[in-house]
C-alpha cells in the first residue's frame, strides 16, 4: 500500500477519467459536447475511445483535484486520482487542444 504524506493536501495528483461501466456512452458524449465545447469534447471522446483511462490533469493540487472530480462527475465520467510519482513524462489527452494543462 502506498502511504500518503502526513499532509496529503501538499501532495500532487494525476487525475484520469473513464467511462463508467454499463452506462450509455452516447449520452455521456452528448453531455461532454454540450459542456466542453465541440473541439475539447471531441479530443476527450477520441482519447476515451482509444484507451480506458485518459489523463486530464497532471501534477495538480488537492484543491484542483477536488474541482476536477466534481466537474467530471457532473459530466457522467468516472474519476481516477493517483498521487503524482514523477517517474514518466506524460501528456494530457487535451494538451494538443489547449496551451493550459486543464480544461476548466
N, C-alpha and C. Protein backbone atom coordinates (compact mmCIF):
# COMPACT_ATOMS: atom_id res chain seq x y z
N UNK A 1 0.84 -1.18 0.00
CA UNK A 1 0.00 0.00 0.00
C UNK A 1 0.88 1.25 0.00
N UNK A 2 0.55 2.21 -0.84
CA UNK A 2 1.30 3.46 -0.91
C UNK A 2 0.83 4.37 0.21
N UNK A 3 1.78 4.88 0.96
CA UNK A 3 1.44 5.79 2.04
C UNK A 3 1.36 7.21 1.53
N UNK A 4 0.38 7.92 2.03
CA UNK A 4 0.25 9.33 1.69
C UNK A 4 1.08 10.12 2.69
N UNK A 5 1.51 11.30 2.30
CA UNK A 5 2.23 12.14 3.23
C UNK A 5 1.30 12.52 4.36
N UNK A 6 1.88 12.95 5.46
CA UNK A 6 1.05 13.31 6.61
C UNK A 6 0.08 14.43 6.26
N UNK A 7 0.52 15.33 5.43
CA UNK A 7 -0.38 16.38 4.95
C UNK A 7 -0.60 16.15 3.46
N UNK A 8 -1.52 15.24 3.14
CA UNK A 8 -1.76 14.84 1.76
C UNK A 8 -2.17 16.01 0.87
N UNK A 9 -2.63 17.09 1.46
CA UNK A 9 -3.03 18.25 0.66
C UNK A 9 -1.82 18.93 0.01
N UNK A 10 -0.63 18.60 0.46
CA UNK A 10 0.58 19.15 -0.15
C UNK A 10 1.11 18.26 -1.27
N UNK A 11 0.56 17.07 -1.41
CA UNK A 11 0.97 16.16 -2.49
C UNK A 11 0.42 16.66 -3.82
N UNK A 12 0.99 16.18 -4.90
CA UNK A 12 0.47 16.47 -6.24
C UNK A 12 -0.21 15.22 -6.78
N UNK A 13 -1.18 15.42 -7.67
CA UNK A 13 -2.01 14.32 -8.15
C UNK A 13 -2.16 14.35 -9.67
N UNK A 14 -2.31 13.15 -10.23
CA UNK A 14 -2.70 12.99 -11.62
C UNK A 14 -4.17 12.58 -11.61
N UNK A 15 -4.98 13.21 -12.45
CA UNK A 15 -6.40 12.92 -12.50
C UNK A 15 -6.75 12.34 -13.87
N UNK A 16 -7.36 11.17 -13.85
CA UNK A 16 -7.78 10.46 -15.05
C UNK A 16 -9.30 10.36 -15.06
N UNK A 17 -9.87 10.22 -16.24
CA UNK A 17 -11.31 9.96 -16.36
C UNK A 17 -11.51 8.72 -17.21
N UNK A 18 -12.68 8.10 -17.04
CA UNK A 18 -13.05 6.94 -17.85
C UNK A 18 -14.57 6.87 -17.92
N UNK A 19 -15.04 6.10 -18.89
CA UNK A 19 -16.48 5.86 -18.96
C UNK A 19 -16.86 4.91 -17.84
N UNK A 20 -17.97 5.16 -17.15
CA UNK A 20 -18.44 4.19 -16.16
C UNK A 20 -18.90 2.91 -16.86
N UNK A 21 -18.80 1.77 -16.19
CA UNK A 21 -19.28 0.53 -16.80
C UNK A 21 -20.80 0.54 -16.94
N UNK A 22 -21.27 -0.07 -17.98
CA UNK A 22 -22.70 -0.28 -18.23
C UNK A 22 -23.51 1.02 -18.27
N UNK A 23 -22.92 2.06 -18.82
CA UNK A 23 -23.61 3.34 -18.98
C UNK A 23 -23.61 3.68 -20.47
N UNK A 24 -24.67 4.29 -20.93
CA UNK A 24 -24.79 4.68 -22.34
C UNK A 24 -23.75 5.75 -22.67
N UNK A 25 -22.73 5.35 -23.39
CA UNK A 25 -21.65 6.28 -23.74
C UNK A 25 -22.13 7.41 -24.64
N UNK A 26 -23.15 7.14 -25.43
CA UNK A 26 -23.71 8.17 -26.30
C UNK A 26 -24.25 9.35 -25.50
N UNK A 27 -24.92 9.07 -24.39
CA UNK A 27 -25.43 10.14 -23.53
C UNK A 27 -24.30 10.94 -22.91
N UNK A 28 -23.25 10.25 -22.48
CA UNK A 28 -22.11 10.96 -21.90
C UNK A 28 -21.41 11.80 -22.96
N UNK A 29 -21.28 11.28 -24.16
CA UNK A 29 -20.65 12.05 -25.25
C UNK A 29 -21.43 13.33 -25.53
N UNK A 30 -22.74 13.24 -25.56
CA UNK A 30 -23.57 14.43 -25.79
C UNK A 30 -23.40 15.45 -24.66
N UNK A 31 -23.34 14.96 -23.44
CA UNK A 31 -23.13 15.83 -22.29
C UNK A 31 -21.76 16.52 -22.38
N UNK A 32 -20.74 15.78 -22.80
CA UNK A 32 -19.41 16.37 -22.97
C UNK A 32 -19.43 17.46 -24.03
N UNK A 33 -20.10 17.19 -25.15
CA UNK A 33 -20.17 18.19 -26.23
C UNK A 33 -20.89 19.46 -25.78
N UNK A 34 -21.95 19.29 -25.01
CA UNK A 34 -22.71 20.45 -24.53
C UNK A 34 -21.93 21.29 -23.54
N UNK A 35 -21.12 20.65 -22.71
CA UNK A 35 -20.45 21.36 -21.62
C UNK A 35 -19.00 21.74 -21.88
N UNK A 36 -18.33 21.02 -22.75
CA UNK A 36 -16.91 21.31 -23.02
C UNK A 36 -16.69 22.08 -24.31
N UNK A 37 -17.66 22.11 -25.15
CA UNK A 37 -17.46 22.67 -26.48
C UNK A 37 -17.02 21.56 -27.42
N UNK A 38 -17.31 21.73 -28.68
CA UNK A 38 -17.11 20.67 -29.67
C UNK A 38 -15.65 20.20 -29.76
N UNK A 39 -14.72 21.13 -29.85
CA UNK A 39 -13.31 20.75 -30.06
C UNK A 39 -12.74 19.98 -28.87
N UNK A 40 -12.91 20.51 -27.67
CA UNK A 40 -12.38 19.83 -26.48
C UNK A 40 -13.09 18.52 -26.23
N UNK A 41 -14.40 18.52 -26.44
CA UNK A 41 -15.17 17.29 -26.24
C UNK A 41 -14.70 16.20 -27.20
N UNK A 42 -14.52 16.54 -28.47
CA UNK A 42 -14.09 15.54 -29.45
C UNK A 42 -12.71 14.99 -29.10
N UNK A 43 -11.81 15.84 -28.63
CA UNK A 43 -10.49 15.36 -28.21
C UNK A 43 -10.58 14.36 -27.07
N UNK A 44 -11.41 14.66 -26.10
CA UNK A 44 -11.59 13.76 -24.97
C UNK A 44 -12.30 12.48 -25.40
N UNK A 45 -13.31 12.59 -26.23
CA UNK A 45 -14.05 11.41 -26.71
C UNK A 45 -13.13 10.49 -27.51
N UNK A 46 -12.33 11.06 -28.40
CA UNK A 46 -11.38 10.25 -29.18
C UNK A 46 -10.41 9.52 -28.26
N UNK A 47 -9.92 10.22 -27.26
CA UNK A 47 -8.98 9.61 -26.32
C UNK A 47 -9.63 8.48 -25.54
N UNK A 48 -10.86 8.71 -25.07
CA UNK A 48 -11.58 7.68 -24.31
C UNK A 48 -11.91 6.47 -25.18
N UNK A 49 -12.13 6.69 -26.47
CA UNK A 49 -12.41 5.58 -27.37
C UNK A 49 -11.16 4.73 -27.64
N UNK A 50 -9.98 5.34 -27.50
CA UNK A 50 -8.75 4.62 -27.80
C UNK A 50 -8.10 3.97 -26.58
N UNK A 51 -8.46 4.41 -25.37
CA UNK A 51 -7.91 3.80 -24.16
C UNK A 51 -8.90 3.95 -23.01
N UNK A 52 -8.82 3.04 -22.04
CA UNK A 52 -9.84 3.03 -20.98
C UNK A 52 -9.77 4.20 -20.00
N UNK A 53 -8.58 4.75 -19.78
CA UNK A 53 -8.43 5.89 -18.88
C UNK A 53 -7.64 6.98 -19.57
N UNK A 54 -8.07 8.22 -19.37
CA UNK A 54 -7.43 9.35 -20.02
C UNK A 54 -6.98 10.35 -18.96
N UNK A 55 -5.73 10.75 -19.04
CA UNK A 55 -5.19 11.76 -18.13
C UNK A 55 -5.71 13.13 -18.54
N UNK A 56 -6.38 13.82 -17.61
CA UNK A 56 -6.90 15.15 -17.91
C UNK A 56 -6.14 16.25 -17.19
N UNK A 57 -5.42 15.89 -16.13
CA UNK A 57 -4.62 16.89 -15.41
C UNK A 57 -3.47 16.18 -14.72
N UNK A 58 -2.28 16.72 -14.91
CA UNK A 58 -1.07 16.14 -14.34
C UNK A 58 -0.52 17.09 -13.29
N UNK A 59 -0.04 16.53 -12.20
CA UNK A 59 0.59 17.30 -11.11
C UNK A 59 -0.30 18.42 -10.59
N UNK A 60 -1.53 18.10 -10.27
CA UNK A 60 -2.42 19.14 -9.76
C UNK A 60 -2.48 19.10 -8.24
N UNK A 61 -2.89 20.20 -7.67
CA UNK A 61 -3.02 20.32 -6.22
C UNK A 61 -4.26 19.58 -5.73
N UNK A 62 -4.36 19.46 -4.42
CA UNK A 62 -5.53 18.82 -3.83
C UNK A 62 -6.80 19.59 -4.19
N UNK A 63 -6.75 20.90 -4.11
CA UNK A 63 -7.92 21.72 -4.43
C UNK A 63 -8.33 21.55 -5.89
N UNK A 64 -7.36 21.54 -6.80
CA UNK A 64 -7.67 21.34 -8.22
C UNK A 64 -8.22 19.94 -8.46
N UNK A 65 -7.69 18.95 -7.76
CA UNK A 65 -8.18 17.58 -7.86
C UNK A 65 -9.66 17.52 -7.47
N UNK A 66 -10.01 18.20 -6.38
CA UNK A 66 -11.41 18.24 -5.95
C UNK A 66 -12.30 18.90 -7.00
N UNK A 67 -11.82 20.00 -7.57
CA UNK A 67 -12.57 20.71 -8.61
C UNK A 67 -12.81 19.82 -9.83
N UNK A 68 -11.76 19.14 -10.28
CA UNK A 68 -11.88 18.25 -11.43
C UNK A 68 -12.81 17.08 -11.12
N UNK A 69 -12.71 16.55 -9.92
CA UNK A 69 -13.58 15.44 -9.52
C UNK A 69 -15.04 15.86 -9.61
N UNK A 70 -15.36 17.00 -9.04
CA UNK A 70 -16.74 17.48 -9.08
C UNK A 70 -17.21 17.72 -10.51
N UNK A 71 -16.36 18.34 -11.32
CA UNK A 71 -16.74 18.71 -12.68
C UNK A 71 -16.98 17.47 -13.55
N UNK A 72 -16.02 16.55 -13.56
CA UNK A 72 -16.16 15.39 -14.43
C UNK A 72 -17.21 14.40 -13.91
N UNK A 73 -17.42 14.36 -12.61
CA UNK A 73 -18.53 13.55 -12.07
C UNK A 73 -19.85 14.09 -12.57
N UNK A 74 -19.98 15.41 -12.58
CA UNK A 74 -21.20 16.06 -13.09
C UNK A 74 -21.44 15.68 -14.55
N UNK A 75 -20.36 15.54 -15.31
CA UNK A 75 -20.48 15.19 -16.73
C UNK A 75 -20.72 13.70 -16.95
N UNK A 76 -20.71 12.92 -15.90
CA UNK A 76 -21.04 11.50 -16.00
C UNK A 76 -19.86 10.56 -16.11
N UNK A 77 -18.64 11.07 -15.97
CA UNK A 77 -17.46 10.21 -16.09
C UNK A 77 -16.99 9.73 -14.73
N UNK A 78 -16.33 8.58 -14.71
CA UNK A 78 -15.65 8.11 -13.51
C UNK A 78 -14.31 8.84 -13.41
N UNK A 79 -13.87 9.10 -12.19
CA UNK A 79 -12.62 9.82 -11.96
C UNK A 79 -11.67 8.91 -11.20
N UNK A 80 -10.44 8.85 -11.67
CA UNK A 80 -9.39 8.08 -11.01
C UNK A 80 -8.31 9.08 -10.62
N UNK A 81 -7.95 9.09 -9.36
CA UNK A 81 -6.92 10.00 -8.87
C UNK A 81 -5.74 9.19 -8.40
N UNK A 82 -4.56 9.56 -8.85
CA UNK A 82 -3.33 8.91 -8.42
C UNK A 82 -2.37 9.97 -7.93
N UNK A 83 -1.66 9.64 -6.89
CA UNK A 83 -0.63 10.56 -6.42
C UNK A 83 0.46 10.63 -7.48
N UNK A 84 0.88 11.83 -7.82
CA UNK A 84 1.89 12.03 -8.85
C UNK A 84 3.20 11.39 -8.42
N UNK A 85 3.78 10.57 -9.29
CA UNK A 85 5.03 9.89 -8.96
C UNK A 85 6.24 10.53 -9.62
N UNK A 86 6.03 11.21 -10.73
CA UNK A 86 7.13 11.87 -11.42
C UNK A 86 8.07 10.92 -12.13
N UNK A 87 7.66 9.66 -12.32
CA UNK A 87 8.54 8.68 -12.94
C UNK A 87 8.60 8.78 -14.45
N UNK A 88 7.50 9.20 -15.07
CA UNK A 88 7.47 9.31 -16.53
C UNK A 88 6.87 10.63 -16.94
N UNK A 89 7.24 11.08 -18.11
CA UNK A 89 6.65 12.29 -18.65
C UNK A 89 5.41 11.89 -19.43
N UNK A 90 4.29 12.46 -19.07
CA UNK A 90 3.02 12.10 -19.68
C UNK A 90 2.35 13.35 -20.21
N UNK A 91 1.67 13.22 -21.33
CA UNK A 91 0.91 14.36 -21.85
C UNK A 91 -0.56 14.10 -21.64
N UNK A 92 -1.32 15.15 -21.46
CA UNK A 92 -2.76 15.00 -21.26
C UNK A 92 -3.45 14.79 -22.60
N UNK A 93 -4.62 14.24 -22.53
CA UNK A 93 -5.42 14.00 -23.74
C UNK A 93 -5.81 15.29 -24.41
N UNK A 94 -5.93 16.34 -23.64
CA UNK A 94 -6.42 17.60 -24.19
C UNK A 94 -5.30 18.62 -24.42
N UNK A 95 -4.06 18.25 -24.15
CA UNK A 95 -2.98 19.23 -24.25
C UNK A 95 -2.81 19.76 -25.67
N UNK A 96 -3.13 18.96 -26.67
CA UNK A 96 -2.99 19.44 -28.04
C UNK A 96 -4.08 20.45 -28.39
N UNK A 97 -5.10 20.55 -27.55
CA UNK A 97 -6.20 21.47 -27.81
C UNK A 97 -6.04 22.79 -27.07
N UNK A 98 -5.18 22.80 -26.07
CA UNK A 98 -5.06 23.99 -25.24
C UNK A 98 -3.63 24.11 -24.75
N UNK A 99 -3.17 25.32 -24.54
CA UNK A 99 -1.83 25.50 -24.01
C UNK A 99 -1.80 25.27 -22.51
N UNK A 100 -2.95 25.26 -21.86
CA UNK A 100 -3.02 25.00 -20.43
C UNK A 100 -3.13 23.51 -20.18
N UNK A 101 -2.85 23.09 -18.96
CA UNK A 101 -2.93 21.70 -18.56
C UNK A 101 -4.29 21.34 -17.98
N UNK A 102 -5.25 22.19 -18.17
CA UNK A 102 -6.58 21.92 -17.64
C UNK A 102 -7.63 22.33 -18.66
N UNK A 103 -8.81 21.79 -18.54
CA UNK A 103 -9.86 22.15 -19.49
C UNK A 103 -10.91 23.03 -18.86
N UNK A 104 -10.76 23.34 -17.60
CA UNK A 104 -11.73 24.21 -16.93
C UNK A 104 -11.31 25.64 -17.05
